[in-house]
Amino acid sequence: MSKIDEIDIRILDVLQRDANLSQRELAERVGLSQNACWRRLQRLQGAGYVQGTRTLVDLSALGLDLTVFVMIRTRNHSRDWAERFARHVASLPEAIDCHRIGGDWDYMLKVATRGMAGYDRFYQRLITGFEFDTVTGLFSMEAILENRAVDLQRLV
């Protein structure tokens, strides 16, 4: 799809806020017939604008009560090292986000774990087999904004 229009943006906006809607409810919210909405949704999915659906889970209710932002600085910036590091982080289930970033740090991970002891176990596995220049953890005391829907209407 080369270009999306205002109706496509409305479909994406509604879905990112509530992907649990039926096709009928989605069509009503965006002002289309159910068939027209379904065709547009299929086109948006095929073009990669929709990358699946997920349910937001309350991690603290499951005992994952500690969120840590792990900042990593390394001296090794080769492609092979970065690919090996990415595979390593992906193998650690506590790591829920990982970004290669610019500035004073090279990587930022978001980690969800059970308390400080859980974080320490994660940390020990994280550093195994890798030499980092610096690793530091920033401990979240409160999530002010989390999993916020992006304001897609600003794109139209």
C-alpha atoms as a PDB file:
ATOM      1  CA  MET A   1       0.000   0.000   0.000  1.00  0.00           C
ATOM      2  CA  SER A   2       1.601   3.233  -1.071  1.00  0.00           C
ATOM      3  CA  LYS A   3      -0.503   5.630   0.971  1.00  0.00           C
ATOM      4  CA  ILE A   4      -3.031   5.395   3.725  1.00  0.00           C
ATOM      5  CA  ASP A   5      -5.924   7.805   4.087  1.00  0.00           C
ATOM      6  CA  GLU A   6      -7.848   9.328   6.987  1.00  0.00           C
ATOM      7  CA  ILE A   7     -10.190   6.327   7.266  1.00  0.00           C
ATOM      8  CA  ASP A   8      -7.210   3.939   7.449  1.00  0.00           C
ATOM      9  CA  ILE A   9      -5.748   6.125  10.211  1.00  0.00           C
ATOM     10  CA  ARG A  10      -9.083   5.979  12.077  1.00  0.00           C
ATOM     11  CA  ILE A  11      -9.127   2.176  11.803  1.00  0.00           C
ATOM     12  CA  LEU A  12      -5.573   1.935  13.166  1.00  0.00           C
ATOM     13  CA  ASP A  13      -6.324   4.449  15.914  1.00  0.00           C
ATOM     14  CA  VAL A  14      -9.414   2.572  17.106  1.00  0.00           C
ATOM     15  CA  LEU A  15      -7.664  -0.805  16.943  1.00  0.00           C
ATOM     16  CA  GLN A  16      -4.623   0.283  18.929  1.00  0.00           C
ATOM     17  CA  ARG A  17      -6.938   1.424  21.707  1.00  0.00           C
ATOM     18  CA  ASP A  18      -9.171  -1.686  21.657  1.00  0.00           C
ATOM     19  CA  ALA A  19      -8.228  -4.592  19.401  1.00  0.00           C
ATOM     20  CA  ASN A  20     -10.971  -6.682  21.010  1.00  0.00           C
ATOM     21  CA  LEU A  21     -13.737  -5.013  18.988  1.00  0.00           C
ATOM     22  CA  SER A  22     -15.844  -7.084  16.650  1.00  0.00           C
ATOM     23  CA  GLN A  23     -15.697  -6.219  12.950  1.00  0.00           C
ATOM     24  CA  ARG A  24     -19.179  -4.714  13.283  1.00  0.00           C
ATOM     25  CA  GLU A  25     -18.151  -2.474  16.200  1.00  0.00           C
ATOM     26  CA  LEU A  26     -14.966  -1.384  14.408  1.00  0.00           C
ATOM     27  CA  ALA A  27     -16.925  -0.560  11.236  1.00  0.00           C
ATOM     28  CA  GLU A  28     -19.450   1.481  13.237  1.00  0.00           C
ATOM     29  CA  ARG A  29     -16.721   3.454  15.020  1.00  0.00           C
ATOM     30  CA  VAL A  30     -14.980   4.410  11.774  1.00  0.00           C
ATOM     31  CA  GLY A  31     -18.159   5.010   9.765  1.00  0.00           C
ATOM     32  CA  LEU A  32     -17.887   2.189   7.210  1.00  0.00           C
ATOM     33  CA  SER A  33     -19.906  -0.848   6.247  1.00  0.00           C
ATOM     34  CA  GLN A  34     -18.627  -4.054   7.791  1.00  0.00           C
ATOM     35  CA  ASN A  35     -17.419  -5.370   4.401  1.00  0.00           C
ATOM     36  CA  ALA A  36     -15.607  -2.160   3.478  1.00  0.00           C
ATOM     37  CA  CYS A  37     -13.971  -2.049   6.909  1.00  0.00           C
ATOM     38  CA  TRP A  38     -12.887  -5.702   6.624  1.00  0.00           C
ATOM     39  CA  ARG A  39     -11.321  -5.084   3.182  1.00  0.00           C
ATOM     40  CA  ARG A  40      -9.394  -2.065   4.484  1.00  0.00           C
ATOM     41  CA  LEU A  41      -8.256  -3.991   7.549  1.00  0.00           C
ATOM     42  CA  GLN A  42      -7.023  -6.855   5.366  1.00  0.00           C
ATOM     43  CA  ARG A  43      -5.116  -4.361   3.212  1.00  0.00           C
ATOM     44  CA  LEU A  44      -3.579  -2.683   6.302  1.00  0.00           C
ATOM     45  CA  GLN A  45      -2.534  -6.062   7.707  1.00  0.00           C
ATOM     46  CA  GLY A  46      -1.085  -7.170   4.378  1.00  0.00           C
ATOM     47  CA  ALA A  47       0.935  -3.971   4.107  1.00  0.00           C
ATOM     48  CA  GLY A  48       2.378  -4.461   7.588  1.00  0.00           C
ATOM     49  CA  TYR A  49       0.626  -1.565   9.348  1.00  0.00           C
ATOM     50  CA  VAL A  50      -1.024  -4.027  11.754  1.00  0.00           C
ATOM     51  CA  GLN A  51       1.438  -6.387  13.374  1.00  0.00           C
ATOM     52  CA  GLY A  52      -0.879  -8.690  15.303  1.00  0.00           C
ATOM     53  CA  THR A  53      -2.912  -8.061  18.421  1.00  0.00           C
ATOM     54  CA  ARG A  54      -1.988  -8.400  22.073  1.00  0.00           C
ATOM     55  CA  THR A  55      -3.620  -8.277  25.455  1.00  0.00           C
ATOM     56  CA  LEU A  56      -2.122  -5.971  28.062  1.00  0.00           C
ATOM     57  CA  VAL A  57      -1.407  -7.978  31.197  1.00  0.00           C
ATOM     58  CA  ASP A  58      -1.012  -6.449  34.670  1.00  0.00           C
ATOM     59  CA  LEU A  59       2.489  -7.712  35.422  1.00  0.00           C
ATOM     60  CA  SER A  60       2.445  -6.662  39.062  1.00  0.00           C
ATOM     61  CA  ALA A  61      -0.714  -8.748  39.611  1.00  0.00           C
ATOM     62  CA  LEU A  62       1.367 -11.740  38.475  1.00  0.00           C
ATOM     63  CA  GLY A  63       4.172 -10.943  40.896  1.00  0.00           C
ATOM     64  CA  LEU A  64       6.430  -9.173  38.380  1.00  0.00           C
ATOM     65  CA  ASP A  65       6.580  -6.128  40.626  1.00  0.00           C
ATOM     66  CA  LEU A  66       9.935  -4.639  39.651  1.00  0.00           C
ATOM     67  CA  THR A  67      10.595  -2.802  36.396  1.00  0.00           C
ATOM     68  CA  VAL A  68      14.210  -1.933  35.663  1.00  0.00           C
ATOM     69  CA  PHE A  69      15.618   0.065  32.769  1.00  0.00           C
ATOM     70  CA  VAL A  70      19.064  -1.387  32.157  1.00  0.00           C
ATOM     71  CA  MET A  71      21.553   0.917  30.468  1.00  0.00           C
ATOM     72  CA  ILE A  72      24.520  -0.744  28.765  1.00  0.00           C
ATOM     73  CA  ARG A  73      27.702   0.720  27.338  1.00  0.00           C
ATOM     74  CA  THR A  74      30.074  -1.498  25.369  1.00  0.00           C
ATOM     75  CA  ARG A  75      33.346  -0.988  23.560  1.00  0.00           C
ATOM     76  CA  ASN A  76      32.501  -3.622  20.986  1.00  0.00           C
ATOM     77  CA  HIS A  77      30.380  -2.298  18.118  1.00  0.00           C
ATOM     78  CA  SER A  78      30.885  -4.959  15.468  1.00  0.00           C
ATOM     79  CA  ARG A  79      27.879  -6.355  13.642  1.00  0.00           C
ATOM     80  CA  ASP A  80      28.695  -9.908  14.764  1.00  0.00           C
ATOM     81  CA  TRP A  81      28.837  -8.842  18.425  1.00  0.00           C
ATOM     82  CA  ALA A  82      25.574  -6.881  18.127  1.00  0.00           C
ATOM     83  CA  GLU A  83      23.793  -9.854  16.538  1.00  0.00           C
ATOM     84  CA  ARG A  84      25.092 -12.215  19.218  1.00  0.00           C
ATOM     85  CA  PHE A  85      24.028  -9.751  21.932  1.00  0.00           C
ATOM     86  CA  ALA A  86      20.542  -9.397  20.395  1.00  0.00           C
ATOM     87  CA  ARG A  87      20.101 -13.184  20.422  1.00  0.00           C
ATOM     88  CA  HIS A  88      21.328 -13.327  24.015  1.00  0.00           C
ATOM     89  CA  VAL A  89      18.891 -10.647  25.202  1.00  0.00           C
ATOM     90  CA  ALA A  90      16.033 -12.320  23.309  1.00  0.00           C
ATOM     91  CA  SER A  91      16.759 -15.514  25.256  1.00  0.00           C
ATOM     92  CA  LEU A  92      16.212 -13.741  28.600  1.00  0.00           C
ATOM     93  CA  PRO A  93      12.465 -13.768  29.323  1.00  0.00           C
ATOM     94  CA  GLU A  94      12.676 -10.895  31.818  1.00  0.00           C
ATOM     95  CA  ALA A  95      13.789  -8.530  29.028  1.00  0.00           C
ATOM     96  CA  ILE A  96      10.575  -7.145  27.533  1.00  0.00           C
ATOM     97  CA  ASP A  97      12.122  -4.352  25.440  1.00  0.00           C
ATOM     98  CA  CYS A  98      15.598  -3.794  24.024  1.00  0.00           C
ATOM     99  CA  HIS A  99      16.754  -0.751  22.077  1.00  0.00           C
ATOM    100  CA  ARG A 100      20.074   0.195  20.517  1.00  0.00           C
ATOM    101  CA  ILE A 101      20.329   3.879  21.319  1.00  0.00           C
ATOM    102  CA  GLY A 102      22.491   6.909  20.639  1.00  0.00           C
ATOM    103  CA  GLY A 103      24.158   9.166  23.164  1.00  0.00           C
ATOM    104  CA  ASP A 104      26.161   8.123  26.197  1.00  0.00           C
ATOM    105  CA  TRP A 105      24.723   4.591  26.237  1.00  0.00           C
ATOM    106  CA  ASP A 106      24.594   1.897  23.571  1.00  0.00           C
ATOM    107  CA  TYR A 107      21.601  -0.222  24.668  1.00  0.00           C
ATOM    108  CA  MET A 108      18.569   0.194  26.873  1.00  0.00           C
ATOM    109  CA  LEU A 109      16.571  -2.789  28.114  1.00  0.00           C
ATOM    110  CA  LYS A 110      13.263  -2.805  29.940  1.00  0.00           C
ATOM    111  CA  VAL A 111      13.152  -5.691  32.384  1.00  0.00           C
ATOM    112  CA  ALA A 112      10.182  -6.999  34.393  1.00  0.00           C
ATOM    113  CA  THR A 113      11.019  -9.291  37.290  1.00  0.00           C
ATOM    114  CA  ARG A 114      10.064 -10.453  40.769  1.00  0.00           C
ATOM    115  CA  GLY A 115      11.859  -8.110  43.138  1.00  0.00           C
ATOM    116  CA  MET A 116      15.527  -7.371  43.559  1.00  0.00           C
ATOM    117  CA  ALA A 117      16.546 -11.039  43.835  1.00  0.00           C
ATOM    118  CA  GLY A 118      14.871 -11.702  40.481  1.00  0.00           C
ATOM    119  CA  TYR A 119      16.695  -8.753  38.956  1.00  0.00           C
ATOM    120  CA  ASP A 120      20.018 -10.009  40.325  1.00  0.00           C
ATOM    121  CA  ARG A 121      19.448 -13.439  38.716  1.00  0.00           C
ATOM    122  CA  PHE A 122      18.625 -11.687  35.428  1.00  0.00           C
ATOM    123  CA  TYR A 123      21.720  -9.475  35.715  1.00  0.00           C
ATOM    124  CA  GLN A 124      24.014 -12.467  36.283  1.00  0.00           C
ATOM    125  CA  ARG A 125      22.644 -14.184  33.169  1.00  0.00           C
ATOM    126  CA  LEU A 126      22.838 -10.927  31.163  1.00  0.00           C
ATOM    127  CA  ILE A 127      26.550 -10.405  31.771  1.00  0.00           C
ATOM    128  CA  THR A 128      27.537 -14.060  31.311  1.00  0.00           C
ATOM    129  CA  GLY A 129      29.665 -14.372  28.180  1.00  0.00           C
ATOM    130  CA  PHE A 130      29.779 -10.617  27.467  1.00  0.00           C
ATOM    131  CA  GLU A 131      32.204  -7.897  28.451  1.00  0.00           C
ATOM    132  CA  PHE A 132      30.471  -4.574  28.911  1.00  0.00           C
ATOM    133  CA  ASP A 133      32.083  -1.258  29.665  1.00  0.00           C
ATOM    134  CA  THR A 134      29.243  -0.246  32.018  1.00  0.00           C
ATOM    135  CA  VAL A 135      25.899  -1.703  33.066  1.00  0.00           C
ATOM    136  CA  THR A 136      23.533   0.189  35.334  1.00  0.00           C
ATOM    137  CA  GLY A 137      19.945  -0.347  36.387  1.00  0.00           C
ATOM    138  CA  LEU A 138      17.379   2.412  36.807  1.00  0.00           C
ATOM    139  CA  PHE A 139      14.540   1.169  38.992  1.00  0.00           C
ATOM    140  CA  SER A 140      11.024   2.333  38.192  1.00  0.00           C
ATOM    141  CA  MET A 141       9.112   3.532  41.231  1.00  0.00           C
ATOM    142  CA  GLU A 142       5.916   4.353  39.331  1.00  0.00           C
ATOM    143  CA  ALA A 143       4.754   4.115  35.725  1.00  0.00           C
ATOM    144  CA  ILE A 144       3.290   7.509  34.814  1.00  0.00           C
ATOM    145  CA  LEU A 145       2.588   6.540  31.178  1.00  0.00           C
ATOM    146  CA  GLU A 146       2.880   2.982  29.944  1.00  0.00           C
ATOM    147  CA  ASN A 147       1.706   1.266  26.758  1.00  0.00           C
ATOM    148  CA  ARG A 148       0.104   4.520  25.673  1.00  0.00           C
ATOM    149  CA  ALA A 149      -1.713   4.511  22.366  1.00  0.00           C
ATOM    150  CA  VAL A 150      -0.024   6.775  19.821  1.00  0.00           C
ATOM    151  CA  ASP A 151      -2.126   9.745  18.685  1.00  0.00           C
ATOM    152  CA  LEU A 152      -2.477   8.760  15.029  1.00  0.00           C
ATOM    153  CA  GLN A 153      -4.973  11.537  14.277  1.00  0.00           C
ATOM    154  CA  ARG A 154      -2.064  13.992  14.201  1.00  0.00           C
ATOM    155  CA  LEU A 155      -0.956  12.288  10.982  1.00  0.00           C
ATOM    156  CA  VAL A 156      -4.002  13.431   9.004  1.00  0.00           C
END
